[in-house]
Amino acid sequence: MIATPTTPTLPTHLQTVDEFEEWERTYPHEGNYEFVRGRIIPKPAMKQEEIFITSFLIRQFYQSSLSKQGDELLPELDSYVDGVRKRIPDLTYVTAEQKQAIRRKERISTIFAIEILSDSESYEDVLDKLQDYFDGGAQLVWYIAPKRQKIFVYTSPDDSKTYKGQDVISAAPVVPDLQFVVAEMFA
């Protein structure tokens, strides 16, 4: 018989990110969880095929001038929206200043989040995440749809543009020299 992982019973009485993080420290568990207004949301681990997308994006970022200044594009880093919301983007842009804030145990929110659309995400899930990122101060969010080989670029929860094929996508104005042909990411 093959053992299957079980989802732990998650508490329903937590109201703040502080309470949620205390629960995480007190009750060790596997996996990551987002916290949104009292809901604990399991964050599935990155799928094997997604490693090619994240690897490509990180390599592209390391060629940017901001990378040379100490900024990074990091996977699955906590992004704090406010006292009742914490998200975990698949990739997030982190400035050198934000890394110093993390070292001082301060909470940061993402300026530029990248999400890879999974089969389990609903359209409502996407809209909720977008709203949370922008509420937290994001200036740019990319939603990558691997099956459609498209990237949806959001500059607000309501303003987006779609890139595909031979389109050149840019992370300007956040990371002006992060740009590439979309098809190269899916090659």
C-alpha atoms as a PDB file:
ATOM      1  CA  MET A   1       0.000   0.000   0.000  1.00  0.00           C
ATOM      2  CA  ILE A   2       1.285   3.439  -0.908  1.00  0.00           C
ATOM      3  CA  ALA A   3       1.234   5.971   1.896  1.00  0.00           C
ATOM      4  CA  THR A   4      -0.372   9.271   0.985  1.00  0.00           C
ATOM      5  CA  PRO A   5       0.333  12.514   2.761  1.00  0.00           C
ATOM      6  CA  THR A   6      -2.483  13.819   4.857  1.00  0.00           C
ATOM      7  CA  THR A   7      -3.441  17.418   5.256  1.00  0.00           C
ATOM      8  CA  PRO A   8      -3.181  18.446   8.881  1.00  0.00           C
ATOM      9  CA  THR A   9      -6.247  19.755  10.597  1.00  0.00           C
ATOM     10  CA  LEU A  10      -5.885  23.494  10.278  1.00  0.00           C
ATOM     11  CA  PRO A  11      -7.099  25.858  12.974  1.00  0.00           C
ATOM     12  CA  THR A  12     -10.034  28.106  12.139  1.00  0.00           C
ATOM     13  CA  HIS A  13      -9.799  30.568  15.028  1.00  0.00           C
ATOM     14  CA  LEU A  14      -6.729  32.523  13.917  1.00  0.00           C
ATOM     15  CA  GLN A  15      -7.385  36.125  12.921  1.00  0.00           C
ATOM     16  CA  THR A  16      -3.994  37.760  12.337  1.00  0.00           C
ATOM     17  CA  VAL A  17      -0.725  36.974  10.603  1.00  0.00           C
ATOM     18  CA  ASP A  18       0.971  37.100  14.025  1.00  0.00           C
ATOM     19  CA  GLU A  19      -1.380  34.402  15.380  1.00  0.00           C
ATOM     20  CA  PHE A  20      -0.886  32.334  12.231  1.00  0.00           C
ATOM     21  CA  GLU A  21       2.909  32.518  12.434  1.00  0.00           C
ATOM     22  CA  GLU A  22       2.790  31.588  16.125  1.00  0.00           C
ATOM     23  CA  TRP A  23       0.725  28.517  15.142  1.00  0.00           C
ATOM     24  CA  GLU A  24       3.342  27.669  12.482  1.00  0.00           C
ATOM     25  CA  ARG A  25       6.175  27.869  15.037  1.00  0.00           C
ATOM     26  CA  THR A  26       4.250  25.885  17.659  1.00  0.00           C
ATOM     27  CA  TYR A  27       2.963  23.117  15.388  1.00  0.00           C
ATOM     28  CA  PRO A  28       5.661  22.077  12.915  1.00  0.00           C
ATOM     29  CA  HIS A  29       4.258  20.816   9.644  1.00  0.00           C
ATOM     30  CA  GLU A  30       5.311  20.123   6.094  1.00  0.00           C
ATOM     31  CA  GLY A  31       4.678  22.538   3.283  1.00  0.00           C
ATOM     32  CA  ASN A  32       3.941  26.221   3.018  1.00  0.00           C
ATOM     33  CA  TYR A  33       0.743  28.035   3.805  1.00  0.00           C
ATOM     34  CA  GLU A  34      -0.610  31.422   2.887  1.00  0.00           C
ATOM     35  CA  PHE A  35      -2.826  33.270   5.354  1.00  0.00           C
ATOM     36  CA  VAL A  36      -5.705  35.444   4.190  1.00  0.00           C
ATOM     37  CA  ARG A  37      -8.186  36.971   6.625  1.00  0.00           C
ATOM     38  CA  GLY A  38      -8.415  33.962   8.914  1.00  0.00           C
ATOM     39  CA  ARG A  39      -8.085  31.325   6.163  1.00  0.00           C
ATOM     40  CA  ILE A  40      -5.025  29.100   6.038  1.00  0.00           C
ATOM     41  CA  ILE A  41      -4.417  28.201   2.404  1.00  0.00           C
ATOM     42  CA  PRO A  42      -2.033  25.337   1.544  1.00  0.00           C
ATOM     43  CA  LYS A  43       0.592  26.478  -0.956  1.00  0.00           C
ATOM     44  CA  PRO A  44       1.434  23.504  -3.178  1.00  0.00           C
ATOM     45  CA  ALA A  45       5.114  22.899  -3.808  1.00  0.00           C
ATOM     46  CA  MET A  46       6.483  23.900  -7.165  1.00  0.00           C
ATOM     47  CA  LYS A  47       5.915  21.218  -9.770  1.00  0.00           C
ATOM     48  CA  GLN A  48       8.870  19.678 -11.584  1.00  0.00           C
ATOM     49  CA  GLU A  49       7.934  21.209 -14.946  1.00  0.00           C
ATOM     50  CA  GLU A  50       7.761  24.661 -13.318  1.00  0.00           C
ATOM     51  CA  ILE A  51      11.458  24.474 -12.475  1.00  0.00           C
ATOM     52  CA  PHE A  52      12.308  25.243 -16.100  1.00  0.00           C
ATOM     53  CA  ILE A  53      10.270  28.456 -16.002  1.00  0.00           C
ATOM     54  CA  THR A  54      11.670  29.615 -12.665  1.00  0.00           C
ATOM     55  CA  SER A  55      15.214  28.683 -13.658  1.00  0.00           C
ATOM     56  CA  PHE A  56      14.877  30.620 -16.923  1.00  0.00           C
ATOM     57  CA  LEU A  57      13.521  33.702 -15.134  1.00  0.00           C
ATOM     58  CA  ILE A  58      16.214  33.660 -12.468  1.00  0.00           C
ATOM     59  CA  ARG A  59      18.946  33.323 -15.130  1.00  0.00           C
ATOM     60  CA  GLN A  60      17.451  36.252 -17.044  1.00  0.00           C
ATOM     61  CA  PHE A  61      17.263  38.330 -13.869  1.00  0.00           C
ATOM     62  CA  TYR A  62      20.924  37.662 -13.002  1.00  0.00           C
ATOM     63  CA  GLN A  63      21.860  39.419 -16.235  1.00  0.00           C
ATOM     64  CA  SER A  64      20.131  42.634 -15.080  1.00  0.00           C
ATOM     65  CA  SER A  65      21.875  45.655 -13.620  1.00  0.00           C
ATOM     66  CA  LEU A  66      19.756  45.411 -10.446  1.00  0.00           C
ATOM     67  CA  SER A  67      21.073  41.902  -9.824  1.00  0.00           C
ATOM     68  CA  LYS A  68      24.583  43.287  -9.926  1.00  0.00           C
ATOM     69  CA  GLN A  69      23.512  45.802  -7.228  1.00  0.00           C
ATOM     70  CA  GLY A  70      22.450  42.988  -4.881  1.00  0.00           C
ATOM     71  CA  ASP A  71      18.752  42.632  -5.724  1.00  0.00           C
ATOM     72  CA  GLU A  72      17.412  39.101  -6.270  1.00  0.00           C
ATOM     73  CA  LEU A  73      14.553  37.109  -7.741  1.00  0.00           C
ATOM     74  CA  LEU A  74      13.738  34.486  -5.100  1.00  0.00           C
ATOM     75  CA  PRO A  75      11.313  31.549  -4.992  1.00  0.00           C
ATOM     76  CA  GLU A  76       8.543  31.179  -2.427  1.00  0.00           C
ATOM     77  CA  LEU A  77       9.403  34.064  -0.115  1.00  0.00           C
ATOM     78  CA  ASP A  78       6.810  35.414   2.330  1.00  0.00           C
ATOM     79  CA  SER A  79       5.142  38.619   1.148  1.00  0.00           C
ATOM     80  CA  TYR A  80       3.187  40.490   3.809  1.00  0.00           C
ATOM     81  CA  VAL A  81       0.170  42.439   2.644  1.00  0.00           C
ATOM     82  CA  ASP A  82      -1.017  43.651   6.044  1.00  0.00           C
ATOM     83  CA  GLY A  83      -1.776  42.257   9.500  1.00  0.00           C
ATOM     84  CA  VAL A  84      -4.288  39.735   8.183  1.00  0.00           C
ATOM     85  CA  ARG A  85      -2.788  38.667   4.839  1.00  0.00           C
ATOM     86  CA  LYS A  86       0.441  36.902   3.905  1.00  0.00           C
ATOM     87  CA  ARG A  87       1.053  35.496   0.432  1.00  0.00           C
ATOM     88  CA  ILE A  88       3.897  33.430  -1.019  1.00  0.00           C
ATOM     89  CA  PRO A  89       4.570  34.238  -4.690  1.00  0.00           C
ATOM     90  CA  ASP A  90       6.246  31.574  -6.800  1.00  0.00           C
ATOM     91  CA  LEU A  91       8.974  34.167  -7.452  1.00  0.00           C
ATOM     92  CA  THR A  92       9.385  37.601  -5.940  1.00  0.00           C
ATOM     93  CA  TYR A  93      11.745  40.446  -6.662  1.00  0.00           C
ATOM     94  CA  VAL A  94      13.628  41.523  -3.532  1.00  0.00           C
ATOM     95  CA  THR A  95      15.778  44.639  -3.346  1.00  0.00           C
ATOM     96  CA  ALA A  96      19.049  44.791  -1.417  1.00  0.00           C
ATOM     97  CA  GLU A  97      17.281  47.129   1.045  1.00  0.00           C
ATOM     98  CA  GLN A  98      14.478  44.616   1.552  1.00  0.00           C
ATOM     99  CA  LYS A  99      17.046  41.877   2.238  1.00  0.00           C
ATOM    100  CA  GLN A 100      18.510  44.074   4.969  1.00  0.00           C
ATOM    101  CA  ALA A 101      14.997  44.592   6.390  1.00  0.00           C
ATOM    102  CA  ILE A 102      14.514  40.805   6.461  1.00  0.00           C
ATOM    103  CA  ARG A 103      17.833  40.477   8.306  1.00  0.00           C
ATOM    104  CA  ARG A 104      16.424  42.914  10.900  1.00  0.00           C
ATOM    105  CA  LYS A 105      13.378  40.600  11.137  1.00  0.00           C
ATOM    106  CA  GLU A 106      11.096  43.122   9.460  1.00  0.00           C
ATOM    107  CA  ARG A 107       8.274  42.014   7.199  1.00  0.00           C
ATOM    108  CA  ILE A 108       8.404  42.949   3.545  1.00  0.00           C
ATOM    109  CA  SER A 109       5.881  42.904   0.743  1.00  0.00           C
ATOM    110  CA  THR A 110       6.611  42.196  -2.881  1.00  0.00           C
ATOM    111  CA  ILE A 111       7.170  44.951  -5.411  1.00  0.00           C
ATOM    112  CA  PHE A 112       7.124  42.458  -8.310  1.00  0.00           C
ATOM    113  CA  ALA A 113       5.483  39.032  -7.951  1.00  0.00           C
ATOM    114  CA  ILE A 114       5.547  36.193 -10.444  1.00  0.00           C
ATOM    115  CA  GLU A 115       2.967  33.423 -10.214  1.00  0.00           C
ATOM    116  CA  ILE A 116       2.802  30.262 -12.297  1.00  0.00           C
ATOM    117  CA  LEU A 117      -0.810  29.294 -12.897  1.00  0.00           C
ATOM    118  CA  SER A 118      -1.598  25.823 -11.586  1.00  0.00           C
ATOM    119  CA  ASP A 119      -4.464  23.538 -12.520  1.00  0.00           C
ATOM    120  CA  SER A 120      -5.926  23.842  -9.031  1.00  0.00           C
ATOM    121  CA  GLU A 121      -6.222  27.661  -9.120  1.00  0.00           C
ATOM    122  CA  SER A 122      -9.568  29.172  -9.939  1.00  0.00           C
ATOM    123  CA  TYR A 123     -10.111  32.533 -11.596  1.00  0.00           C
ATOM    124  CA  GLU A 124     -11.283  33.836  -8.209  1.00  0.00           C
ATOM    125  CA  ASP A 125      -7.998  32.645  -6.634  1.00  0.00           C
ATOM    126  CA  VAL A 126      -6.052  34.605  -9.245  1.00  0.00           C
ATOM    127  CA  LEU A 127      -8.128  37.755  -8.695  1.00  0.00           C
ATOM    128  CA  ASP A 128      -7.731  37.479  -4.919  1.00  0.00           C
ATOM    129  CA  LYS A 129      -3.958  37.124  -5.166  1.00  0.00           C
ATOM    130  CA  LEU A 130      -3.682  40.029  -7.572  1.00  0.00           C
ATOM    131  CA  GLN A 131      -5.682  42.258  -5.241  1.00  0.00           C
ATOM    132  CA  ASP A 132      -3.564  41.213  -2.262  1.00  0.00           C
ATOM    133  CA  TYR A 133      -0.266  41.878  -4.046  1.00  0.00           C
ATOM    134  CA  PHE A 134      -1.345  45.340  -5.157  1.00  0.00           C
ATOM    135  CA  ASP A 135      -2.872  46.118  -1.748  1.00  0.00           C
ATOM    136  CA  GLY A 136       0.561  45.307  -0.312  1.00  0.00           C
ATOM    137  CA  GLY A 137       2.324  47.732  -2.645  1.00  0.00           C
ATOM    138  CA  ALA A 138       3.212  45.649  -5.697  1.00  0.00           C
ATOM    139  CA  GLN A 139       3.896  47.619  -8.849  1.00  0.00           C
ATOM    140  CA  LEU A 140       3.938  44.627 -11.181  1.00  0.00           C
ATOM    141  CA  VAL A 141       2.571  41.067 -11.194  1.00  0.00           C
ATOM    142  CA  TRP A 142       3.170  38.442 -13.851  1.00  0.00           C
ATOM    143  CA  TYR A 143       0.842  35.466 -14.093  1.00  0.00           C
ATOM    144  CA  ILE A 144       2.382  32.757 -16.272  1.00  0.00           C
ATOM    145  CA  ALA A 145       0.045  30.256 -17.952  1.00  0.00           C
ATOM    146  CA  PRO A 146       2.344  27.395 -19.049  1.00  0.00           C
ATOM    147  CA  LYS A 147      -0.303  25.401 -20.924  1.00  0.00           C
ATOM    148  CA  ARG A 148      -1.252  28.437 -23.006  1.00  0.00           C
ATOM    149  CA  GLN A 149       2.360  29.660 -23.179  1.00  0.00           C
ATOM    150  CA  LYS A 150       1.276  33.164 -22.229  1.00  0.00           C
ATOM    151  CA  ILE A 151       2.254  35.703 -19.620  1.00  0.00           C
ATOM    152  CA  PHE A 152      -0.395  38.043 -18.240  1.00  0.00           C
ATOM    153  CA  VAL A 153       1.228  41.262 -17.015  1.00  0.00           C
ATOM    154  CA  TYR A 154      -0.687  43.259 -14.420  1.00  0.00           C
ATOM    155  CA  THR A 155       0.146  46.836 -13.497  1.00  0.00           C
ATOM    156  CA  SER A 156      -2.933  47.003 -11.242  1.00  0.00           C
ATOM    157  CA  PRO A 157      -5.629  44.481 -10.325  1.00  0.00           C
ATOM    158  CA  ASP A 158      -7.676  45.758 -13.281  1.00  0.00           C
ATOM    159  CA  ASP A 159      -5.031  46.557 -15.918  1.00  0.00           C
ATOM    160  CA  SER A 160      -3.298  43.780 -17.793  1.00  0.00           C
ATOM    161  CA  LYS A 161      -1.661  42.931 -21.077  1.00  0.00           C
ATOM    162  CA  THR A 162      -1.028  39.481 -22.519  1.00  0.00           C
ATOM    163  CA  TYR A 163       2.299  38.427 -24.029  1.00  0.00           C
ATOM    164  CA  LYS A 164       2.934  35.284 -26.107  1.00  0.00           C
ATOM    165  CA  GLY A 165       5.107  33.829 -28.831  1.00  0.00           C
ATOM    166  CA  GLN A 166       7.600  36.301 -30.244  1.00  0.00           C
ATOM    167  CA  ASP A 167       6.401  39.178 -28.049  1.00  0.00           C
ATOM    168  CA  VAL A 168       9.168  40.801 -26.017  1.00  0.00           C
ATOM    169  CA  ILE A 169       8.140  41.104 -22.383  1.00  0.00           C
ATOM    170  CA  SER A 170       9.739  43.581 -20.007  1.00  0.00           C
ATOM    171  CA  ALA A 171       9.608  43.990 -16.232  1.00  0.00           C
ATOM    172  CA  ALA A 172       9.935  47.773 -16.609  1.00  0.00           C
ATOM    173  CA  PRO A 173       9.674  50.002 -14.705  1.00  0.00           C
ATOM    174  CA  VAL A 174      10.540  47.720 -11.756  1.00  0.00           C
ATOM    175  CA  VAL A 175      13.436  45.880 -13.428  1.00  0.00           C
ATOM    176  CA  PRO A 176      13.887  47.786 -16.710  1.00  0.00           C
ATOM    177  CA  ASP A 177      16.506  45.520 -18.242  1.00  0.00           C
ATOM    178  CA  LEU A 178      14.715  42.246 -17.487  1.00  0.00           C
ATOM    179  CA  GLN A 179      13.267  41.439 -20.887  1.00  0.00           C
ATOM    180  CA  PHE A 180      13.093  38.471 -23.224  1.00  0.00           C
ATOM    181  CA  VAL A 181      11.084  36.846 -26.004  1.00  0.00           C
ATOM    182  CA  VAL A 182       8.228  34.908 -24.384  1.00  0.00           C
ATOM    183  CA  ALA A 183       8.715  31.827 -26.589  1.00  0.00           C
ATOM    184  CA  GLU A 184      12.278  31.445 -25.245  1.00  0.00           C
ATOM    185  CA  MET A 185      10.923  30.767 -21.770  1.00  0.00           C
ATOM    186  CA  PHE A 186       8.762  27.898 -23.037  1.00  0.00           C
ATOM    187  CA  ALA A 187      11.407  26.412 -25.401  1.00  0.00           C
END
